[in-house]
Protein backbone atom coordinates (compact mmCIF):
# COMPACT_ATOMS: atom_id res chain seq x y z
CA MET A 1 -0.64 -19.84 -15.36
CA VAL A 2 -2.73 -17.53 -17.49
CA SER A 3 -3.68 -20.02 -20.19
CA CYS A 4 -7.26 -21.22 -20.48
CA ILE A 5 -8.26 -24.44 -18.76
CA GLU A 6 -8.39 -27.60 -20.85
CA ALA A 7 -11.97 -28.28 -21.98
CA GLN A 8 -11.94 -31.88 -20.73
CA SER A 9 -10.84 -30.84 -17.24
CA LEU A 10 -13.41 -28.05 -17.10
CA THR A 11 -16.22 -30.37 -18.15
CA HIS A 12 -15.23 -32.81 -15.43
CA LEU A 13 -15.21 -30.15 -12.73
CA GLN A 14 -18.56 -28.73 -13.80
CA SER A 15 -20.16 -32.17 -13.78
CA VAL A 16 -19.42 -32.75 -10.09
CA GLU A 17 -22.66 -33.68 -8.37
CA ARG A 18 -23.81 -30.90 -6.07
CA ILE A 19 -24.68 -32.24 -2.65
CA THR A 20 -26.32 -30.52 0.28
CA PHE A 21 -23.88 -27.74 1.03
CA ASP A 22 -22.53 -27.17 4.50
CA PRO A 23 -19.60 -24.71 4.40
CA SER A 24 -18.38 -25.89 7.81
CA GLN A 25 -17.73 -29.36 6.39
CA LEU A 26 -15.33 -28.26 3.68
CA ASP A 27 -11.70 -29.17 4.29
CA LEU A 28 -10.25 -25.82 3.31
CA ALA A 29 -6.67 -26.84 4.07
CA GLU A 30 -6.86 -29.76 1.64
CA LEU A 31 -8.63 -27.71 -1.01
CA ASN A 32 -6.07 -24.92 -0.72
CA ARG A 33 -3.26 -27.44 -1.22
CA ARG A 34 -5.00 -28.79 -4.32
CA PHE A 35 -5.66 -25.36 -5.77
CA GLU A 36 -1.99 -24.30 -5.65
CA SER A 37 -1.58 -26.10 -8.98
CA ALA A 38 -4.99 -25.11 -10.39
CA SER A 39 -5.90 -22.30 -12.74
CA PRO A 40 -8.38 -19.60 -11.68
CA GLN A 41 -10.89 -21.13 -14.09
CA GLU A 42 -10.58 -24.52 -12.40
CA ILE A 43 -11.12 -22.96 -8.98
CA LEU A 44 -14.15 -21.08 -10.25
CA ALA A 45 -15.51 -24.20 -11.95
CA TRP A 46 -15.19 -26.09 -8.65
CA ALA A 47 -17.10 -23.30 -6.87
CA ILE A 48 -19.85 -23.25 -9.49
CA ALA A 49 -20.27 -27.01 -9.27
CA THR A 50 -20.08 -27.21 -5.50
CA VAL A 51 -21.48 -24.10 -3.88
CA PRO A 52 -25.10 -22.91 -4.06
CA ASN A 53 -25.97 -19.23 -3.60
CA LEU A 54 -22.62 -18.15 -4.99
CA VAL A 55 -21.95 -14.50 -5.88
CA GLN A 56 -19.12 -12.36 -7.15
CA MET A 57 -18.12 -9.13 -5.42
CA THR A 58 -16.53 -6.55 -7.72
CA SER A 59 -15.36 -2.96 -7.59
CA PHE A 60 -15.17 -2.77 -11.41
CA SER A 61 -11.46 -2.15 -11.39
CA MET A 62 -10.30 -5.23 -13.32
CA LEU A 63 -12.78 -7.65 -14.88
CA ALA A 64 -10.77 -10.83 -15.34
CA VAL A 65 -12.90 -12.86 -12.91
CA THR A 66 -16.15 -11.56 -14.39
CA HIS A 67 -14.90 -12.50 -17.87
CA MET A 68 -13.99 -16.00 -16.72
CA LEU A 69 -17.40 -16.49 -15.11
CA TYR A 70 -19.65 -15.01 -17.77
CA HIS A 71 -17.67 -15.63 -20.97
CA GLU A 72 -15.53 -18.71 -20.40
CA LEU A 73 -17.57 -20.69 -17.88
CA LYS A 74 -21.00 -19.39 -18.91
CA ALA A 75 -21.90 -18.99 -15.23
CA GLU A 76 -24.30 -16.10 -14.88
CA ILE A 77 -24.05 -15.80 -11.12
CA PRO A 78 -25.19 -12.66 -9.26
CA VAL A 79 -22.64 -9.84 -9.22
CA ILE A 80 -22.68 -7.50 -6.22
CA PHE A 81 -21.48 -3.93 -6.59
CA LEU A 82 -21.27 -1.56 -3.62
CA ASP A 83 -21.90 2.00 -4.77
CA THR A 84 -20.47 4.06 -1.92
CA LEU A 85 -21.75 7.30 -3.53
CA HIS A 86 -18.15 8.52 -3.44
CA LEU A 87 -16.72 6.57 -6.37
CA PHE A 88 -14.88 7.93 -9.38
CA PRO A 89 -17.12 8.65 -12.39
CA GLU A 90 -14.89 6.27 -14.36
CA THR A 91 -15.80 3.44 -12.00
CA LEU A 92 -19.53 4.00 -12.50
CA THR A 93 -19.03 4.14 -16.27
CA THR A 94 -17.04 0.88 -16.20
CA ALA A 95 -19.78 -0.77 -14.15
CA GLU A 96 -22.44 0.21 -16.68
CA GLN A 97 -20.28 -0.88 -19.62
CA ALA A 98 -19.66 -4.27 -17.99
CA ARG A 99 -23.34 -4.73 -17.15
CA SER A 100 -24.26 -4.16 -20.79
CA LEU A 101 -21.36 -6.13 -22.28
CA TYR A 102 -21.87 -9.30 -20.22
CA ASN A 103 -25.58 -8.87 -19.49
CA LEU A 104 -24.63 -9.10 -15.84
CA LYS A 105 -27.02 -10.12 -13.12
CA LEU A 106 -25.91 -6.97 -11.35
CA HIS A 107 -27.10 -6.11 -7.84
CA THR A 108 -26.08 -2.62 -6.75
CA TYR A 109 -26.28 -1.73 -3.07
CA LYS A 110 -25.85 1.65 -1.43
CA THR A 111 -26.64 3.37 1.85
CA ALA A 112 -28.63 6.31 0.49
CA ALA A 113 -30.36 7.25 -2.74
CA ASN A 114 -27.61 9.71 -3.67
CA ARG A 115 -24.65 11.59 -2.23
CA GLU A 116 -26.78 14.55 -1.17
CA GLU A 117 -28.99 12.31 0.92
CA PHE A 118 -25.93 10.64 2.42
CA ILE A 119 -24.53 14.04 3.48
CA ALA A 120 -27.89 15.05 4.96
CA LEU A 121 -27.98 11.85 7.01
CA TYR A 122 -24.37 11.51 8.10
CA GLY A 123 -22.65 14.83 7.45
CA ASP A 124 -20.22 16.05 4.82
CA ARG A 125 -16.71 14.59 4.42
CA LEU A 126 -17.41 11.83 6.93
CA TRP A 127 -14.28 9.97 5.79
CA GLU A 128 -12.16 12.75 7.34
CA LYS A 129 -13.97 12.60 10.68
CA ASP A 130 -14.44 8.85 11.09
CA VAL A 131 -13.19 6.72 8.21
CA ASN A 132 -14.22 3.45 9.88
CA ARG A 133 -17.81 4.65 10.25
CA PHE A 134 -17.71 5.90 6.67
CA HIS A 135 -16.75 2.44 5.42
CA ASP A 136 -19.20 0.72 7.74
CA LEU A 137 -22.03 2.79 6.26
CA THR A 138 -20.93 2.68 2.64
CA LYS A 139 -19.51 -0.83 2.34
CA VAL A 140 -19.97 -3.16 5.29
CA LYS A 141 -23.68 -2.61 5.94
CA PRO A 142 -24.65 -2.66 2.24
CA MET A 143 -22.64 -5.85 1.80
CA GLU A 144 -24.36 -7.46 4.77
CA ARG A 145 -27.74 -6.48 3.34
CA ALA A 146 -26.79 -7.93 -0.05
CA PHE A 147 -25.64 -11.20 1.47
CA ASP A 148 -28.80 -11.46 3.54
CA GLU A 149 -31.19 -10.69 0.67
CA LEU A 150 -29.41 -13.08 -1.72
CA SER A 151 -28.88 -15.79 0.94
CA VAL A 152 -25.20 -15.88 0.04
CA GLN A 153 -23.16 -18.89 1.14
CA ALA A 154 -19.96 -18.12 -0.74
CA TRP A 155 -18.47 -15.12 -2.51
CA ILE A 156 -15.77 -14.60 -5.08
CA THR A 157 -13.17 -11.84 -4.91
CA GLY A 158 -10.40 -10.63 -7.21
CA ARG A 159 -7.71 -10.33 -4.53
CA ARG A 160 -4.12 -11.45 -5.09
CA ARG A 161 -1.20 -12.18 -2.79
CA ASP A 162 1.16 -9.78 -4.51
CA GLN A 163 -1.10 -6.73 -4.03
CA SER A 164 0.35 -5.90 -0.62
CA ALA A 165 2.30 -7.32 2.31
CA THR A 166 -0.93 -7.89 4.24
CA ARG A 167 -2.22 -10.23 1.53
CA LYS A 168 0.94 -12.24 0.82
CA ASN A 169 -0.30 -15.37 2.63
CA MET A 170 -3.89 -15.23 1.39
CA PRO A 171 -5.41 -18.67 0.69
CA PHE A 172 -7.68 -19.56 -2.21
CA LEU A 173 -10.49 -20.45 0.17
CA GLU A 174 -11.20 -19.00 3.60
CA ARG A 175 -14.13 -18.44 5.90
CA ASP A 176 -15.39 -14.96 6.60
CA GLN A 177 -16.60 -13.90 10.04
CA ALA A 178 -20.11 -15.20 9.29
CA GLY A 179 -18.82 -18.61 8.21
CA ARG A 180 -19.37 -18.06 4.50
CA ILE A 181 -16.72 -19.29 2.07
CA LYS A 182 -14.61 -16.55 0.52
CA ILE A 183 -13.06 -17.62 -2.78
CA ASN A 184 -9.90 -15.92 -4.11
CA PRO A 185 -9.28 -17.59 -7.49
CA LEU A 186 -6.55 -15.13 -8.49
CA ALA A 187 -4.61 -15.49 -5.23
CA HIS A 188 -1.51 -16.94 -6.91
CA TRP A 189 -1.59 -14.65 -9.93
CA THR A 190 0.80 -11.73 -10.19
CA HIS A 191 0.14 -8.23 -11.43
CA LYS A 192 1.74 -9.26 -14.74
CA ASP A 193 -0.45 -12.38 -14.98
CA LEU A 194 -3.58 -10.28 -14.57
CA TRP A 195 -2.63 -7.73 -17.20
CA ARG A 196 -1.38 -10.39 -19.61
CA TYR A 197 -4.73 -12.15 -19.41
CA THR A 198 -6.63 -8.85 -19.70
CA PHE A 199 -4.80 -7.77 -22.84
CA ALA A 200 -4.82 -11.26 -24.40
CA HIS A 201 -8.62 -11.40 -24.19
CA GLY A 202 -9.33 -7.72 -24.80
CA ILE A 203 -11.10 -7.41 -21.45
CA LEU A 204 -12.63 -4.16 -20.25
CA TYR A 205 -10.90 -2.45 -17.32
CA ASN A 206 -11.27 0.79 -15.40
CA PRO A 207 -9.47 3.53 -17.40
CA LEU A 208 -8.10 5.03 -14.18
CA HIS A 209 -5.42 2.34 -14.40
CA ASP A 210 -4.02 4.20 -17.39
CA GLN A 211 -3.70 7.32 -15.24
CA GLY A 212 -1.52 5.76 -12.52
CA TYR A 213 -4.15 4.33 -10.19
CA THR A 214 -3.35 0.69 -9.43
CA SER A 215 -6.01 0.09 -6.75
CA ILE A 216 -9.25 1.99 -7.10
CA GLY A 217 -11.66 2.78 -4.28
CA ASP A 218 -13.45 5.91 -3.13
CA GLN A 219 -12.34 9.05 -4.93
CA PRO A 220 -11.42 11.06 -1.80
CA LEU A 221 -9.44 8.14 -0.37
CA THR A 222 -7.55 6.99 -3.47
CA THR A 223 -4.36 8.42 -4.95
CA LYS A 224 -2.01 7.44 -7.74
CA VAL A 225 0.75 4.95 -6.98
CA HIS A 226 4.42 5.71 -7.52
CA ALA A 227 7.09 3.40 -8.94
CA GLY A 228 8.27 0.86 -6.37
CA GLU A 229 5.19 1.13 -4.15
CA ASP A 230 2.77 -1.68 -3.34
CA GLU A 231 -0.21 -1.89 -5.65
CA ARG A 232 -2.50 -0.74 -2.84
CA ALA A 233 -0.26 2.08 -1.59
CA GLY A 234 -2.65 4.65 -3.02
CA ARG A 235 -5.47 3.62 -0.70
CA TRP A 236 -5.75 5.61 2.55
CA ARG A 237 -2.37 7.20 1.91
CA GLY A 238 -0.73 8.45 5.11
CA SER A 239 -2.84 6.11 7.23
CA ILE A 240 -2.16 2.72 8.79
CA LYS A 241 -5.46 1.49 7.36
CA THR A 242 -5.12 -1.36 4.85
CA GLU A 243 -8.68 -2.61 4.34
CA CYS A 244 -12.15 -1.05 4.18
CA GLY A 245 -13.90 -3.59 6.39
CA ILE A 246 -15.12 -5.96 3.70
CA HIS A 247 -11.91 -7.97 3.98
CA THR A 248 -10.41 -8.42 7.43
């Protein structure tokens, strides 16, 4: 599952004639059935060939999808990064390293110029008082602005089914609330698949993974994960919350 796509198959997928794109006309059920036996690279190649105004969303935790796009498929699509102003320093360092390494078309969006301005506008430790408003301000609204400014019609994520119980039935393709196509090329990969591919290709990753963080978000809302826990157990620990609002 982690091997590279055959060159002949990739060339065929990339040569598909792009027609006028209407996301509502895609038969997602049929495509999802087809993609169960496809590699992530084949799914990404289909998206590149089919969908205009395609972007990747990344938190700069693991960079497998970015590597596939920029290195294997030579697809320099826009990469959107939401700087919540409350991220780990390691995450910001990884983002800058990836931007330089891949020459990313990186678009960074944030709510305020810096954390001090955010506190002046919305108060200190907002995540403790109203975590949903905190995420709406730091993630949802910046994402909506990014999608509007870049006229996004489809976006690529790095989500997988084995990350948590709430993601176990995740399809490869789905529609978000605005009708855009959300593409999850790693949906059928496991944690082991991801790391095997990362190590095999020497791909950059956030060093917090080496410290026991398996899912990395905002620093005040992220903890290390213990043996036997879901990969995302360290997010919003002690809360029933499972997503930040970007994915619903």
